N, C-alpha and C. Protein backbone atom coordinates (compact mmCIF):
# COMPACT_ATOMS: atom_id res chain seq x y z
N UNK A 1 14.01 11.40 -6.12
CA UNK A 1 12.69 11.75 -5.63
C UNK A 1 11.65 11.07 -6.51
N UNK A 2 10.66 10.46 -5.92
CA UNK A 2 9.66 9.70 -6.66
C UNK A 2 8.59 10.57 -7.30
N UNK A 3 8.32 11.74 -6.73
CA UNK A 3 7.34 12.65 -7.32
C UNK A 3 8.09 13.78 -8.02
N UNK A 4 7.82 13.93 -9.30
CA UNK A 4 8.47 14.96 -10.11
C UNK A 4 7.44 16.04 -10.42
N UNK A 5 7.84 17.29 -10.29
CA UNK A 5 6.96 18.41 -10.58
C UNK A 5 7.26 18.91 -11.99
N UNK A 6 6.28 18.82 -12.87
CA UNK A 6 6.42 19.25 -14.26
C UNK A 6 5.79 20.62 -14.49
N UNK A 7 5.86 21.46 -13.50
CA UNK A 7 5.21 22.77 -13.57
C UNK A 7 5.78 23.61 -14.70
N UNK A 8 7.09 23.56 -14.91
CA UNK A 8 7.70 24.35 -15.97
C UNK A 8 7.18 23.95 -17.35
N UNK A 9 6.91 22.67 -17.55
CA UNK A 9 6.38 22.18 -18.82
C UNK A 9 4.98 22.75 -19.07
N UNK A 10 4.14 22.66 -18.04
CA UNK A 10 2.77 23.16 -18.17
C UNK A 10 2.77 24.67 -18.35
N UNK A 11 3.64 25.37 -17.62
CA UNK A 11 3.73 26.83 -17.77
C UNK A 11 4.15 27.20 -19.19
N UNK A 12 5.07 26.47 -19.76
CA UNK A 12 5.52 26.75 -21.13
C UNK A 12 4.39 26.52 -22.13
N UNK A 13 3.64 25.44 -21.95
CA UNK A 13 2.50 25.16 -22.84
C UNK A 13 1.45 26.25 -22.76
N UNK A 14 1.22 26.77 -21.56
CA UNK A 14 0.20 27.81 -21.35
C UNK A 14 0.75 29.21 -21.57
N UNK A 15 2.07 29.31 -21.82
CA UNK A 15 2.73 30.59 -22.08
C UNK A 15 2.50 31.59 -20.95
N UNK A 16 2.83 31.15 -19.73
CA UNK A 16 2.69 32.00 -18.57
C UNK A 16 4.03 32.06 -17.84
N UNK A 17 4.40 33.22 -17.41
CA UNK A 17 5.68 33.39 -16.71
C UNK A 17 5.53 33.01 -15.24
N UNK A 18 6.67 32.77 -14.61
CA UNK A 18 6.67 32.42 -13.19
C UNK A 18 6.12 33.56 -12.35
N UNK A 19 6.50 34.77 -12.67
CA UNK A 19 6.01 35.91 -11.88
C UNK A 19 4.50 36.09 -12.04
N UNK A 20 3.98 35.88 -13.23
CA UNK A 20 2.54 35.99 -13.45
C UNK A 20 1.79 34.89 -12.71
N UNK A 21 2.31 33.65 -12.76
CA UNK A 21 1.66 32.55 -12.06
C UNK A 21 1.70 32.77 -10.55
N UNK A 22 2.83 33.20 -10.04
CA UNK A 22 2.94 33.46 -8.60
C UNK A 22 1.91 34.50 -8.16
N UNK A 23 1.74 35.54 -8.96
CA UNK A 23 0.76 36.58 -8.64
C UNK A 23 -0.67 36.02 -8.66
N UNK A 24 -0.98 35.20 -9.66
CA UNK A 24 -2.32 34.62 -9.77
C UNK A 24 -2.63 33.66 -8.62
N UNK A 25 -1.61 32.94 -8.17
CA UNK A 25 -1.79 31.93 -7.14
C UNK A 25 -1.63 32.51 -5.73
N UNK A 26 -1.12 33.73 -5.66
CA UNK A 26 -0.89 34.42 -4.39
C UNK A 26 0.16 33.72 -3.53
N UNK A 27 1.27 33.34 -4.19
CA UNK A 27 2.43 32.84 -3.47
C UNK A 27 3.64 33.65 -3.93
N UNK A 28 4.70 33.60 -3.16
CA UNK A 28 5.88 34.37 -3.54
C UNK A 28 6.58 33.71 -4.72
N UNK A 29 7.24 34.50 -5.55
CA UNK A 29 8.03 33.91 -6.65
C UNK A 29 9.07 32.91 -6.13
N UNK A 30 9.63 33.17 -4.95
CA UNK A 30 10.61 32.24 -4.38
C UNK A 30 9.97 30.89 -4.07
N UNK A 31 8.77 30.90 -3.50
CA UNK A 31 8.09 29.63 -3.21
C UNK A 31 7.68 28.90 -4.48
N UNK A 32 7.28 29.63 -5.50
CA UNK A 32 6.96 29.01 -6.77
C UNK A 32 8.21 28.37 -7.38
N UNK A 33 9.33 29.05 -7.27
CA UNK A 33 10.59 28.53 -7.78
C UNK A 33 10.98 27.23 -7.08
N UNK A 34 10.79 27.18 -5.76
CA UNK A 34 11.08 25.97 -4.99
C UNK A 34 10.24 24.81 -5.51
N UNK A 35 8.97 25.07 -5.74
CA UNK A 35 8.08 24.03 -6.25
C UNK A 35 8.47 23.63 -7.67
N UNK A 36 8.70 24.61 -8.50
CA UNK A 36 9.02 24.37 -9.92
C UNK A 36 10.31 23.58 -10.10
N UNK A 37 11.26 23.77 -9.20
CA UNK A 37 12.57 23.13 -9.33
C UNK A 37 12.70 21.85 -8.51
N UNK A 38 11.58 21.25 -8.15
CA UNK A 38 11.56 19.98 -7.42
C UNK A 38 12.27 20.04 -6.07
N UNK A 39 12.28 21.20 -5.43
CA UNK A 39 12.93 21.35 -4.13
C UNK A 39 11.92 21.30 -2.98
N UNK A 40 10.64 21.35 -3.30
CA UNK A 40 9.60 21.36 -2.26
C UNK A 40 9.45 19.97 -1.64
N UNK A 41 9.23 19.95 -0.34
CA UNK A 41 8.98 18.70 0.37
C UNK A 41 7.49 18.40 0.45
N UNK A 42 6.67 19.44 0.26
CA UNK A 42 5.22 19.28 0.34
C UNK A 42 4.57 20.42 -0.43
N UNK A 43 3.31 20.22 -0.79
CA UNK A 43 2.52 21.29 -1.40
C UNK A 43 1.12 21.22 -0.81
N UNK A 44 0.59 22.36 -0.45
CA UNK A 44 -0.77 22.40 0.10
C UNK A 44 -1.77 22.17 -1.03
N UNK A 45 -2.84 21.48 -0.69
CA UNK A 45 -3.88 21.26 -1.69
C UNK A 45 -4.46 22.58 -2.18
N UNK A 46 -4.55 23.56 -1.29
CA UNK A 46 -5.09 24.86 -1.71
C UNK A 46 -4.18 25.52 -2.75
N UNK A 47 -2.86 25.36 -2.58
CA UNK A 47 -1.92 25.90 -3.56
C UNK A 47 -2.01 25.12 -4.87
N UNK A 48 -2.07 23.80 -4.79
CA UNK A 48 -2.19 22.97 -5.98
C UNK A 48 -3.48 23.29 -6.73
N UNK A 49 -4.56 23.49 -5.98
CA UNK A 49 -5.84 23.85 -6.59
C UNK A 49 -5.74 25.20 -7.31
N UNK A 50 -5.11 26.18 -6.68
CA UNK A 50 -4.96 27.50 -7.29
C UNK A 50 -4.09 27.43 -8.54
N UNK A 51 -3.04 26.63 -8.51
CA UNK A 51 -2.18 26.47 -9.69
C UNK A 51 -2.98 25.83 -10.82
N UNK A 52 -3.72 24.77 -10.51
CA UNK A 52 -4.53 24.11 -11.54
C UNK A 52 -5.58 25.05 -12.12
N UNK A 53 -6.16 25.88 -11.27
CA UNK A 53 -7.16 26.85 -11.76
C UNK A 53 -6.48 27.87 -12.67
N UNK A 54 -5.34 28.39 -12.26
CA UNK A 54 -4.64 29.41 -13.04
C UNK A 54 -4.15 28.87 -14.38
N UNK A 55 -3.75 27.59 -14.40
CA UNK A 55 -3.20 27.00 -15.63
C UNK A 55 -4.23 26.17 -16.40
N UNK A 56 -5.46 26.08 -15.86
CA UNK A 56 -6.51 25.28 -16.48
C UNK A 56 -6.00 23.87 -16.79
N UNK A 57 -5.55 23.19 -15.72
CA UNK A 57 -5.00 21.85 -15.89
C UNK A 57 -5.41 20.98 -14.70
N UNK A 58 -5.02 19.74 -14.74
CA UNK A 58 -5.29 18.78 -13.68
C UNK A 58 -4.01 18.56 -12.85
N UNK A 59 -4.15 18.15 -11.58
CA UNK A 59 -2.96 17.88 -10.77
C UNK A 59 -1.99 16.90 -11.44
N UNK A 60 -2.52 15.93 -12.15
CA UNK A 60 -1.69 14.95 -12.85
C UNK A 60 -0.88 15.54 -13.99
N UNK A 61 -1.27 16.71 -14.46
CA UNK A 61 -0.48 17.40 -15.49
C UNK A 61 0.79 17.98 -14.88
N UNK A 62 0.73 18.27 -13.59
CA UNK A 62 1.84 18.93 -12.89
C UNK A 62 2.71 17.94 -12.13
N UNK A 63 2.06 16.96 -11.48
CA UNK A 63 2.78 16.00 -10.65
C UNK A 63 2.85 14.65 -11.34
N UNK A 64 4.03 14.03 -11.29
CA UNK A 64 4.24 12.74 -11.93
C UNK A 64 5.00 11.83 -10.97
N UNK A 65 4.56 10.58 -10.87
CA UNK A 65 5.27 9.60 -10.07
C UNK A 65 6.31 8.91 -10.96
N UNK A 66 7.56 8.97 -10.53
CA UNK A 66 8.65 8.31 -11.23
C UNK A 66 9.37 7.42 -10.21
N UNK A 67 9.35 6.11 -10.40
CA UNK A 67 10.02 5.24 -9.43
C UNK A 67 11.49 5.63 -9.25
N UNK A 68 11.99 5.49 -8.03
CA UNK A 68 13.39 5.82 -7.75
C UNK A 68 14.32 5.07 -8.71
N UNK A 69 15.33 5.80 -9.18
CA UNK A 69 16.28 5.22 -10.12
C UNK A 69 15.89 5.43 -11.57
N UNK A 70 14.69 5.98 -11.81
CA UNK A 70 14.22 6.20 -13.18
C UNK A 70 14.29 7.65 -13.61
N UNK A 71 14.79 8.53 -12.73
CA UNK A 71 14.79 9.97 -13.03
C UNK A 71 15.79 10.28 -14.12
């Protein structure tokens, strides 16, 4: 996959649990887990915006482009 989600890294830096972030963003813990584990096929901008607001970060802190074969 060319887009890698580094949500777990940012969450660790901000010292926030998955359940707390899910509650702040108003998504289910299961959906957050799907996103966090690079299983999501898409993410809504509204969800990305809420995550960035909750973690006080930029979208580029969470999403990274990695060319295929470089993972």
